[in-house]
């Protein structure tokens, strides 16, 4: 994970993104085991707008984006931000997918618990399709995932995590598309955060793209 973040930072420097002129935005799962990745974003980009929700889905909407972009600093007439958005999955020391042993708890728990709950619902054939205002985030996640499945599909946790990653990537692109690229320069990084044994963390990357900023022109030497 640290190597991934370092590579991202060094790559974005070429496009004019520096910690002094750029704000971070992060949409990860609220699970505390995702904190190391959030800490890395803060390490490289300083003050970071927290867009986190269950499973790392992007729930901030237009109002949340307006609030976030209003906080982005202005340097040389340009507002720059980085947007990280990722679901997560755990692998135990025995190689069990989705299981994590937390400090002070002997039994394993799930990561991501939100996605694992949907896997179980699909397995037993009992799905709550109503929008529960007391469980609104899980209701939205369930609806988004089910809208991409065909009748009878029963993805396992790995498959549903990859599906969540694609949904999140699409949602980020749709959310940010209306921004004026002459005002906002931004970089988007999506993928999957993987938690291994002994507090190890990796990133399975998916998207990495920059909008608005261009690589600086290099003068061609003349003979």
Protein backbone atom coordinates (compact mmCIF):
# COMPACT_ATOMS: atom_id res chain seq x y z
CA UNK A 1 0.00 0.00 0.00
CA UNK A 2 2.78 2.43 0.88
CA UNK A 3 4.49 1.76 -2.45
CA UNK A 4 1.21 2.33 -4.30
CA UNK A 5 0.64 5.67 -2.61
CA UNK A 6 4.22 6.79 -3.24
CA UNK A 7 3.92 5.92 -6.92
CA UNK A 8 0.61 7.77 -7.16
CA UNK A 9 2.08 10.87 -5.54
CA UNK A 10 5.17 10.89 -7.75
CA UNK A 11 3.07 10.38 -10.88
CA UNK A 12 0.69 13.22 -10.01
CA UNK A 13 3.54 15.64 -9.33
CA UNK A 14 4.14 15.60 -13.07
CA UNK A 15 0.62 17.01 -13.53
CA UNK A 16 1.10 19.79 -10.99
CA UNK A 17 -0.49 18.08 -7.99
CA UNK A 18 1.48 18.87 -4.82
CA UNK A 19 0.58 18.54 -1.17
CA UNK A 20 0.65 22.35 -0.85
CA UNK A 21 -1.92 22.99 -3.62
CA UNK A 22 -4.09 19.86 -3.53
CA UNK A 23 -6.79 18.53 -1.21
CA UNK A 24 -7.52 14.85 -0.76
CA UNK A 25 -10.95 13.23 -0.88
CA UNK A 26 -11.46 9.67 0.34
CA UNK A 27 -14.39 7.27 -0.04
CA UNK A 28 -13.52 4.09 1.86
CA UNK A 29 -15.52 1.80 4.10
CA UNK A 30 -16.08 3.16 7.61
CA UNK A 31 -14.47 0.01 9.02
CA UNK A 32 -11.55 1.04 11.24
CA UNK A 33 -9.21 -1.38 9.44
CA UNK A 34 -9.32 0.96 6.43
CA UNK A 35 -7.71 3.72 8.53
CA UNK A 36 -4.15 2.98 7.30
CA UNK A 37 -5.19 3.89 3.76
CA UNK A 38 -6.94 7.05 4.92
CA UNK A 39 -3.81 7.92 6.90
CA UNK A 40 -1.74 7.54 3.72
CA UNK A 41 -4.04 9.92 1.84
CA UNK A 42 -3.67 12.48 4.64
CA UNK A 43 0.10 11.91 4.71
CA UNK A 44 0.49 12.89 1.06
CA UNK A 45 -2.37 15.36 0.55
CA UNK A 46 -2.87 16.92 3.97
CA UNK A 47 -6.38 17.91 4.97
CA UNK A 48 -8.75 15.38 3.42
CA UNK A 49 -12.52 15.54 2.90
CA UNK A 50 -14.05 12.37 4.34
CA UNK A 51 -16.51 10.82 1.87
CA UNK A 52 -16.57 7.41 3.58
CA UNK A 53 -19.63 5.15 3.84
CA UNK A 54 -20.42 1.47 4.19
CA UNK A 55 -18.35 -0.65 1.76
CA UNK A 56 -16.72 2.46 0.30
CA UNK A 57 -19.72 3.32 -1.87
CA UNK A 58 -19.99 6.96 -2.88
CA UNK A 59 -23.05 8.30 -1.04
CA UNK A 60 -22.14 12.01 -0.82
CA UNK A 61 -24.28 13.08 -3.77
CA UNK A 62 -24.38 16.54 -5.31
CA UNK A 63 -24.67 18.34 -1.97
CA UNK A 64 -21.70 16.49 -0.52
CA UNK A 65 -19.63 17.17 -3.62
CA UNK A 66 -20.51 20.87 -3.49
CA UNK A 67 -19.34 21.00 0.11
CA UNK A 68 -16.13 19.15 -0.72
CA UNK A 69 -15.23 21.22 -3.77
CA UNK A 70 -15.92 24.46 -1.87
CA UNK A 71 -13.06 23.46 0.44
CA UNK A 72 -10.54 22.84 -2.34
CA UNK A 73 -7.72 25.44 -2.29
CA UNK A 74 -7.17 27.79 -5.21
CA UNK A 75 -3.64 28.13 -6.58
CA UNK A 76 -2.95 30.07 -9.79
CA UNK A 77 -6.68 30.11 -10.50
CA UNK A 78 -6.96 26.31 -10.34
CA UNK A 79 -8.51 24.06 -7.70
CA UNK A 80 -6.85 20.64 -7.43
CA UNK A 81 -7.97 17.53 -5.59
CA UNK A 82 -7.35 13.80 -5.55
CA UNK A 83 -10.27 11.38 -5.15
CA UNK A 84 -9.65 7.88 -3.78
CA UNK A 85 -12.59 5.44 -3.72
CA UNK A 86 -12.30 1.74 -2.89
CA UNK A 87 -14.18 -1.16 -1.31
CA UNK A 88 -12.16 -3.59 0.77
CA UNK A 89 -11.73 -7.28 1.52
CA UNK A 90 -9.77 -9.24 4.12
CA UNK A 91 -7.73 -12.44 3.88
CA UNK A 92 -6.98 -14.33 7.10
CA UNK A 93 -3.66 -16.04 7.82
CA UNK A 94 -5.39 -19.32 6.92
CA UNK A 95 -6.33 -17.90 3.52
CA UNK A 96 -10.01 -17.42 4.37
CA UNK A 97 -11.54 -14.71 2.21
CA UNK A 98 -13.40 -11.97 4.02
CA UNK A 99 -12.29 -12.93 7.51
CA UNK A 100 -10.24 -10.73 9.79
CA UNK A 101 -9.09 -11.15 13.37
CA UNK A 102 -9.43 -7.89 15.29
CA UNK A 103 -7.56 -6.91 18.41
CA UNK A 104 -9.36 -8.05 21.56
CA UNK A 105 -11.77 -10.36 19.71
CA UNK A 106 -11.04 -14.08 19.47
CA UNK A 107 -13.55 -14.93 16.75
CA UNK A 108 -13.03 -13.65 13.21
CA UNK A 109 -15.30 -10.97 11.80
CA UNK A 110 -15.98 -9.99 8.21
CA UNK A 111 -14.53 -7.43 5.84
CA UNK A 112 -16.43 -6.21 4.17
CA UNK A 113 -19.36 -7.04 6.44
CA UNK A 114 -21.76 -5.00 4.33
CA UNK A 115 -20.94 -6.95 1.16
CA UNK A 116 -20.83 -10.27 3.02
CA UNK A 117 -24.39 -9.63 4.23
CA UNK A 118 -25.57 -9.29 0.62
CA UNK A 119 -23.71 -12.48 -0.35
CA UNK A 120 -25.58 -14.33 2.41
CA UNK A 121 -28.93 -12.88 1.32
CA UNK A 122 -28.33 -14.05 -2.25
CA UNK A 123 -27.33 -17.51 -1.03
CA UNK A 124 -30.50 -17.98 1.02
CA UNK A 125 -32.76 -16.32 -1.56
CA UNK A 126 -34.19 -13.77 0.86
CA UNK A 127 -33.63 -10.19 -0.20
CA UNK A 128 -35.10 -7.12 1.44
CA UNK A 129 -35.76 -4.83 -1.51
CA UNK A 130 -37.44 -2.07 0.50
CA UNK A 131 -35.60 1.14 1.26
CA UNK A 132 -35.03 1.09 5.00
CA UNK A 133 -34.58 4.66 6.25
CA UNK A 134 -32.97 3.27 9.41
CA UNK A 135 -30.44 1.38 7.28
CA UNK A 136 -30.27 3.66 4.27
CA UNK A 137 -26.68 3.02 3.21
CA UNK A 138 -27.08 -0.76 3.15
CA UNK A 139 -30.36 -0.36 1.27
CA UNK A 140 -28.64 1.71 -1.42
CA UNK A 141 -25.70 -0.70 -1.67
CA UNK A 142 -28.06 -3.65 -2.04
CA UNK A 143 -30.07 -1.90 -4.76
CA UNK A 144 -26.98 -0.87 -6.69
CA UNK A 145 -25.52 -4.38 -6.64
CA UNK A 146 -28.78 -6.14 -7.48
CA UNK A 147 -29.36 -3.81 -10.43
CA UNK A 148 -26.22 -5.22 -12.08
CA UNK A 149 -27.00 -8.92 -11.51
CA UNK A 150 -28.97 -11.31 -13.67
CA UNK A 151 -31.70 -13.48 -12.20
CA UNK A 152 -30.14 -16.43 -10.39
CA UNK A 153 -26.66 -14.91 -10.05
CA UNK A 154 -24.99 -15.72 -6.73
CA UNK A 155 -21.58 -14.03 -6.69
CA UNK A 156 -19.17 -14.97 -3.93
CA UNK A 157 -17.44 -12.34 -1.79
CA UNK A 158 -14.51 -11.89 -4.19
CA UNK A 159 -16.83 -11.46 -7.16
CA UNK A 160 -19.16 -9.07 -5.36
CA UNK A 161 -16.18 -7.01 -4.15
CA UNK A 162 -14.94 -6.65 -7.73
CA UNK A 163 -18.48 -5.74 -8.77
CA UNK A 164 -18.63 -3.13 -6.01
CA UNK A 165 -15.32 -1.72 -7.23
CA UNK A 166 -16.74 -1.27 -10.73
CA UNK A 167 -19.93 0.33 -9.43
CA UNK A 168 -17.91 2.72 -7.28
CA UNK A 169 -15.65 3.61 -10.22
CA UNK A 170 -18.67 4.37 -12.40
CA UNK A 171 -20.35 6.39 -9.65
CA UNK A 172 -17.24 8.52 -9.10
CA UNK A 173 -16.94 9.27 -12.80
CA UNK A 174 -20.62 10.24 -13.00
CA UNK A 175 -20.42 12.36 -9.83
CA UNK A 176 -17.39 14.37 -10.97
CA UNK A 177 -18.30 14.72 -14.65
CA UNK A 178 -20.25 18.01 -14.26
CA UNK A 179 -17.22 19.81 -12.76
CA UNK A 180 -15.68 22.52 -14.93
CA UNK A 181 -12.22 21.22 -15.87
CA UNK A 182 -11.02 24.78 -16.48
CA UNK A 183 -11.55 25.40 -12.76
CA UNK A 184 -10.99 21.95 -11.27
CA UNK A 185 -8.06 19.67 -11.94
CA UNK A 186 -8.53 16.30 -10.29
CA UNK A 187 -7.15 12.79 -10.22
CA UNK A 188 -9.22 9.67 -9.54
CA UNK A 189 -7.86 6.45 -8.06
CA UNK A 190 -10.07 3.40 -7.59
CA UNK A 191 -9.38 -0.23 -6.78
CA UNK A 192 -9.73 -2.63 -3.86
CA UNK A 193 -8.03 -2.36 -0.48
CA UNK A 194 -6.88 -5.81 0.68
CA UNK A 195 -6.19 -6.55 4.35
CA UNK A 196 -3.81 -9.43 5.01
CA UNK A 197 -2.58 -11.06 8.21
CA UNK A 198 -0.24 -9.20 10.58
CA UNK A 199 -1.83 -5.84 9.69
CA UNK A 200 -0.56 -5.93 6.11
CA UNK A 201 -2.39 -3.95 3.44
CA UNK A 202 -2.30 -4.00 -0.35
CA UNK A 203 -4.05 -2.17 -3.16
CA UNK A 204 -5.54 -3.94 -6.18
CA UNK A 205 -5.67 -0.94 -8.57
CA UNK A 206 -8.38 -0.29 -11.11
CA UNK A 207 -8.72 3.32 -12.32
CA UNK A 208 -6.08 6.03 -12.36
CA UNK A 209 -6.83 9.08 -14.47
CA UNK A 210 -6.39 12.84 -14.43
CA UNK A 211 -8.94 15.42 -15.61
CA UNK A 212 -8.10 19.03 -16.47
CA UNK A 213 -4.35 18.94 -15.93
CA UNK A 214 -1.85 18.27 -18.69
CA UNK A 215 1.74 17.15 -18.63
CA UNK A 216 4.04 20.15 -19.03
CA UNK A 217 5.48 20.69 -22.47
CA UNK A 218 9.15 19.93 -22.85
CA UNK A 219 11.23 22.14 -25.12
CA UNK A 220 12.75 20.13 -27.93
CA UNK A 221 16.44 20.92 -28.24
CA UNK A 222 17.51 22.25 -31.60
CA UNK A 223 20.67 21.29 -33.40
